[in-house]
Amino acid sequence: MMARAAAALVSGLLFGLGLAVSQMANPAKVLGFLDIAGRWDPSLALVLAAAAGVATIGYRRVLSRPKPALAPAFNLPRKTGIDAKAVIGAALFGMGWGLAGLCPGPAFAALAFGQLEILFFIGTMGLGLHLARQMN
């Protein structure tokens, strides 16, 4: 159990460091990337491409094993199709990202920079999660 907690802590710290270094926790930088019709800043495209490459390699390596290193079995989603809930969820996520310049991971990472106004985003995100659970 301690090894899993340590792995989670190290993974979270590494993820947060990556978000900070890449400026994904900077809403102005993200909004500049999303503004393709205005003053577009393409620099985050490199971050996204690198993340996709690392994830592709990582998933292939990990899923080739019979089981995870720190769990008895893989816990993979059973649902693989695209349905209305997935499309609506993706659209809401994209709209929120475009309006605020943040998504959940970078929002929490932004707290480390003392951006306390991010608490409003995190609070409303929590409310949205609560409402979504009530609808299921």
C-alpha atoms as a PDB file:
ATOM      1  CA  MET A   1       0.000   0.000   0.000  1.00  0.00           C
ATOM      2  CA  MET A   2       2.861   2.373   0.809  1.00  0.00           C
ATOM      3  CA  ALA A   3       4.493   1.716  -2.566  1.00  0.00           C
ATOM      4  CA  ARG A   4       1.251   2.654  -4.351  1.00  0.00           C
ATOM      5  CA  ALA A   5       0.976   5.878  -2.347  1.00  0.00           C
ATOM      6  CA  ALA A   6       4.609   6.748  -3.073  1.00  0.00           C
ATOM      7  CA  ALA A   7       4.125   6.026  -6.794  1.00  0.00           C
ATOM      8  CA  ALA A   8       0.992   8.205  -6.827  1.00  0.00           C
ATOM      9  CA  LEU A   9       2.837  11.042  -5.074  1.00  0.00           C
ATOM     10  CA  VAL A  10       5.809  10.907  -7.436  1.00  0.00           C
ATOM     11  CA  SER A  11       3.520  10.678 -10.475  1.00  0.00           C
ATOM     12  CA  GLY A  12       1.445  13.638  -9.294  1.00  0.00           C
ATOM     13  CA  LEU A  13       4.519  15.751  -8.597  1.00  0.00           C
ATOM     14  CA  LEU A  14       6.007  14.901 -11.988  1.00  0.00           C
ATOM     15  CA  PHE A  15       2.705  15.677 -13.730  1.00  0.00           C
ATOM     16  CA  GLY A  16       2.389  19.005 -11.898  1.00  0.00           C
ATOM     17  CA  LEU A  17       6.001  19.903 -12.717  1.00  0.00           C
ATOM     18  CA  GLY A  18       5.343  19.125 -16.377  1.00  0.00           C
ATOM     19  CA  LEU A  19       2.242  21.325 -16.361  1.00  0.00           C
ATOM     20  CA  ALA A  20       4.187  24.162 -14.771  1.00  0.00           C
ATOM     21  CA  VAL A  21       7.228  23.932 -17.048  1.00  0.00           C
ATOM     22  CA  SER A  22       5.085  23.679 -20.190  1.00  0.00           C
ATOM     23  CA  GLN A  23       2.906  26.596 -19.007  1.00  0.00           C
ATOM     24  CA  MET A  24      -0.255  24.494 -19.255  1.00  0.00           C
ATOM     25  CA  ALA A  25      -1.184  25.924 -15.826  1.00  0.00           C
ATOM     26  CA  ASN A  26      -1.068  29.458 -17.274  1.00  0.00           C
ATOM     27  CA  PRO A  27      -4.587  30.310 -18.535  1.00  0.00           C
ATOM     28  CA  ALA A  28      -3.288  33.136 -20.759  1.00  0.00           C
ATOM     29  CA  LYS A  29      -0.894  30.739 -22.510  1.00  0.00           C
ATOM     30  CA  VAL A  30      -3.627  28.149 -23.033  1.00  0.00           C
ATOM     31  CA  LEU A  31      -6.107  30.727 -24.338  1.00  0.00           C
ATOM     32  CA  GLY A  32      -3.423  31.973 -26.757  1.00  0.00           C
ATOM     33  CA  PHE A  33      -3.081  28.424 -28.060  1.00  0.00           C
ATOM     34  CA  LEU A  34      -6.847  28.029 -28.444  1.00  0.00           C
ATOM     35  CA  ASP A  35      -7.249  31.385 -30.261  1.00  0.00           C
ATOM     36  CA  ILE A  36      -6.632  30.059 -33.785  1.00  0.00           C
ATOM     37  CA  ALA A  37      -8.573  32.917 -35.387  1.00  0.00           C
ATOM     38  CA  GLY A  38      -6.660  35.628 -33.533  1.00  0.00           C
ATOM     39  CA  ARG A  39      -3.139  35.824 -32.129  1.00  0.00           C
ATOM     40  CA  TRP A  40      -2.490  32.094 -32.126  1.00  0.00           C
ATOM     41  CA  ASP A  41       0.405  30.783 -30.024  1.00  0.00           C
ATOM     42  CA  PRO A  42       1.292  27.319 -31.424  1.00  0.00           C
ATOM     43  CA  SER A  43       3.880  26.480 -28.754  1.00  0.00           C
ATOM     44  CA  LEU A  44       1.542  24.237 -26.766  1.00  0.00           C
ATOM     45  CA  ALA A  45       1.113  22.035 -29.845  1.00  0.00           C
ATOM     46  CA  LEU A  46       4.599  20.703 -29.114  1.00  0.00           C
ATOM     47  CA  VAL A  47       3.551  19.952 -25.540  1.00  0.00           C
ATOM     48  CA  LEU A  48       0.459  18.096 -26.755  1.00  0.00           C
ATOM     49  CA  ALA A  49       2.447  16.141 -29.354  1.00  0.00           C
ATOM     50  CA  ALA A  50       5.087  15.151 -26.784  1.00  0.00           C
ATOM     51  CA  ALA A  51       2.388  14.095 -24.302  1.00  0.00           C
ATOM     52  CA  ALA A  52       0.636  11.975 -26.945  1.00  0.00           C
ATOM     53  CA  GLY A  53       3.935  10.319 -27.883  1.00  0.00           C
ATOM     54  CA  VAL A  54       4.879   9.520 -24.291  1.00  0.00           C
ATOM     55  CA  ALA A  55       1.373   8.198 -23.560  1.00  0.00           C
ATOM     56  CA  THR A  56       1.369   5.992 -26.665  1.00  0.00           C
ATOM     57  CA  ILE A  57       4.710   4.434 -25.808  1.00  0.00           C
ATOM     58  CA  GLY A  58       3.806   4.112 -22.119  1.00  0.00           C
ATOM     59  CA  TYR A  59       0.450   2.438 -22.728  1.00  0.00           C
ATOM     60  CA  ARG A  60       1.945  -0.028 -25.189  1.00  0.00           C
ATOM     61  CA  ARG A  61       4.705  -0.999 -22.759  1.00  0.00           C
ATOM     62  CA  VAL A  62       2.486  -1.237 -19.695  1.00  0.00           C
ATOM     63  CA  LEU A  63      -0.384  -3.078 -21.376  1.00  0.00           C
ATOM     64  CA  SER A  64       2.011  -5.668 -22.789  1.00  0.00           C
ATOM     65  CA  ARG A  65       2.569  -6.874 -19.216  1.00  0.00           C
ATOM     66  CA  PRO A  66       0.303  -9.487 -17.616  1.00  0.00           C
ATOM     67  CA  LYS A  67      -0.594  -7.118 -14.738  1.00  0.00           C
ATOM     68  CA  PRO A  68       0.388  -3.715 -13.355  1.00  0.00           C
ATOM     69  CA  ALA A  69       3.384  -3.488 -11.035  1.00  0.00           C
ATOM     70  CA  LEU A  70       1.429  -2.172  -8.046  1.00  0.00           C
ATOM     71  CA  ALA A  71      -2.072  -3.630  -8.527  1.00  0.00           C
ATOM     72  CA  PRO A  72      -3.536  -7.104  -8.916  1.00  0.00           C
ATOM     73  CA  ALA A  73      -5.094  -6.328 -12.331  1.00  0.00           C
ATOM     74  CA  PHE A  74      -5.608  -3.594 -14.896  1.00  0.00           C
ATOM     75  CA  ASN A  75      -8.708  -1.450 -14.392  1.00  0.00           C
ATOM     76  CA  LEU A  76      -9.539  -0.440 -17.963  1.00  0.00           C
ATOM     77  CA  PRO A  77     -12.785   1.088 -19.229  1.00  0.00           C
ATOM     78  CA  ARG A  78     -15.206  -1.474 -20.596  1.00  0.00           C
ATOM     79  CA  LYS A  79     -17.087   1.009 -22.736  1.00  0.00           C
ATOM     80  CA  THR A  80     -15.239   1.790 -25.960  1.00  0.00           C
ATOM     81  CA  GLY A  81     -17.926   3.317 -28.175  1.00  0.00           C
ATOM     82  CA  ILE A  82     -18.803   6.963 -28.620  1.00  0.00           C
ATOM     83  CA  ASP A  83     -22.266   7.859 -27.389  1.00  0.00           C
ATOM     84  CA  ALA A  84     -24.203  11.060 -26.715  1.00  0.00           C
ATOM     85  CA  LYS A  85     -22.866  11.321 -23.141  1.00  0.00           C
ATOM     86  CA  ALA A  86     -19.266  11.170 -24.392  1.00  0.00           C
ATOM     87  CA  VAL A  87     -19.896  13.823 -27.046  1.00  0.00           C
ATOM     88  CA  ILE A  88     -21.737  16.141 -24.637  1.00  0.00           C
ATOM     89  CA  GLY A  89     -19.061  15.650 -21.975  1.00  0.00           C
ATOM     90  CA  ALA A  90     -16.273  16.402 -24.440  1.00  0.00           C
ATOM     91  CA  ALA A  91     -18.101  19.495 -25.674  1.00  0.00           C
ATOM     92  CA  LEU A  92     -18.626  20.798 -22.123  1.00  0.00           C
ATOM     93  CA  PHE A  93     -14.987  20.095 -21.255  1.00  0.00           C
ATOM     94  CA  GLY A  94     -13.835  21.930 -24.386  1.00  0.00           C
ATOM     95  CA  MET A  95     -16.104  24.909 -23.730  1.00  0.00           C
ATOM     96  CA  GLY A  96     -14.873  25.178 -20.149  1.00  0.00           C
ATOM     97  CA  TRP A  97     -11.265  24.906 -21.271  1.00  0.00           C
ATOM     98  CA  GLY A  98     -11.813  27.572 -23.906  1.00  0.00           C
ATOM     99  CA  LEU A  99     -13.591  29.964 -21.545  1.00  0.00           C
ATOM    100  CA  ALA A 100     -11.273  29.621 -18.550  1.00  0.00           C
ATOM    101  CA  GLY A 101      -8.024  28.472 -20.151  1.00  0.00           C
ATOM    102  CA  LEU A 102      -7.871  25.672 -17.596  1.00  0.00           C
ATOM    103  CA  CYS A 103      -8.833  22.057 -17.222  1.00  0.00           C
ATOM    104  CA  PRO A 104      -8.745  20.074 -13.936  1.00  0.00           C
ATOM    105  CA  GLY A 105      -5.046  19.100 -13.755  1.00  0.00           C
ATOM    106  CA  PRO A 106      -3.634  22.529 -14.600  1.00  0.00           C
ATOM    107  CA  ALA A 107      -6.161  24.185 -12.267  1.00  0.00           C
ATOM    108  CA  PHE A 108      -4.781  22.320  -9.275  1.00  0.00           C
ATOM    109  CA  ALA A 109      -1.213  22.932 -10.452  1.00  0.00           C
ATOM    110  CA  ALA A 110      -1.985  26.673 -10.710  1.00  0.00           C
ATOM    111  CA  LEU A 111      -2.713  26.737  -6.970  1.00  0.00           C
ATOM    112  CA  ALA A 112       0.999  26.115  -6.380  1.00  0.00           C
ATOM    113  CA  PHE A 113       1.671  29.531  -7.970  1.00  0.00           C
ATOM    114  CA  GLY A 114      -0.597  31.259  -5.463  1.00  0.00           C
ATOM    115  CA  GLN A 115      -3.360  31.954  -7.986  1.00  0.00           C
ATOM    116  CA  LEU A 116      -6.182  31.886  -5.448  1.00  0.00           C
ATOM    117  CA  GLU A 117      -8.772  32.995  -8.024  1.00  0.00           C
ATOM    118  CA  ILE A 118      -8.390  29.455  -9.345  1.00  0.00           C
ATOM    119  CA  LEU A 119     -10.347  28.338  -6.276  1.00  0.00           C
ATOM    120  CA  PHE A 120     -13.492  29.694  -7.982  1.00  0.00           C
ATOM    121  CA  PHE A 121     -12.780  27.493 -11.014  1.00  0.00           C
ATOM    122  CA  ILE A 122     -12.134  24.447  -8.820  1.00  0.00           C
ATOM    123  CA  GLY A 123     -15.295  25.114  -6.817  1.00  0.00           C
ATOM    124  CA  THR A 124     -17.477  25.399  -9.895  1.00  0.00           C
ATOM    125  CA  MET A 125     -15.780  22.330 -11.372  1.00  0.00           C
ATOM    126  CA  GLY A 126     -16.682  20.424  -8.197  1.00  0.00           C
ATOM    127  CA  LEU A 127     -20.267  21.651  -8.442  1.00  0.00           C
ATOM    128  CA  GLY A 128     -20.418  20.464 -12.054  1.00  0.00           C
ATOM    129  CA  LEU A 129     -19.103  17.032 -11.063  1.00  0.00           C
ATOM    130  CA  HIS A 130     -21.697  16.828  -8.303  1.00  0.00           C
ATOM    131  CA  LEU A 131     -24.512  17.788 -10.697  1.00  0.00           C
ATOM    132  CA  ALA A 132     -23.293  15.260 -13.269  1.00  0.00           C
ATOM    133  CA  ARG A 133     -23.366  12.490 -10.665  1.00  0.00           C
ATOM    134  CA  GLN A 134     -26.897  13.493  -9.663  1.00  0.00           C
ATOM    135  CA  MET A 135     -28.031  13.146 -13.290  1.00  0.00           C
ATOM    136  CA  ASN A 136     -26.837   9.507 -13.559  1.00  0.00           C
END
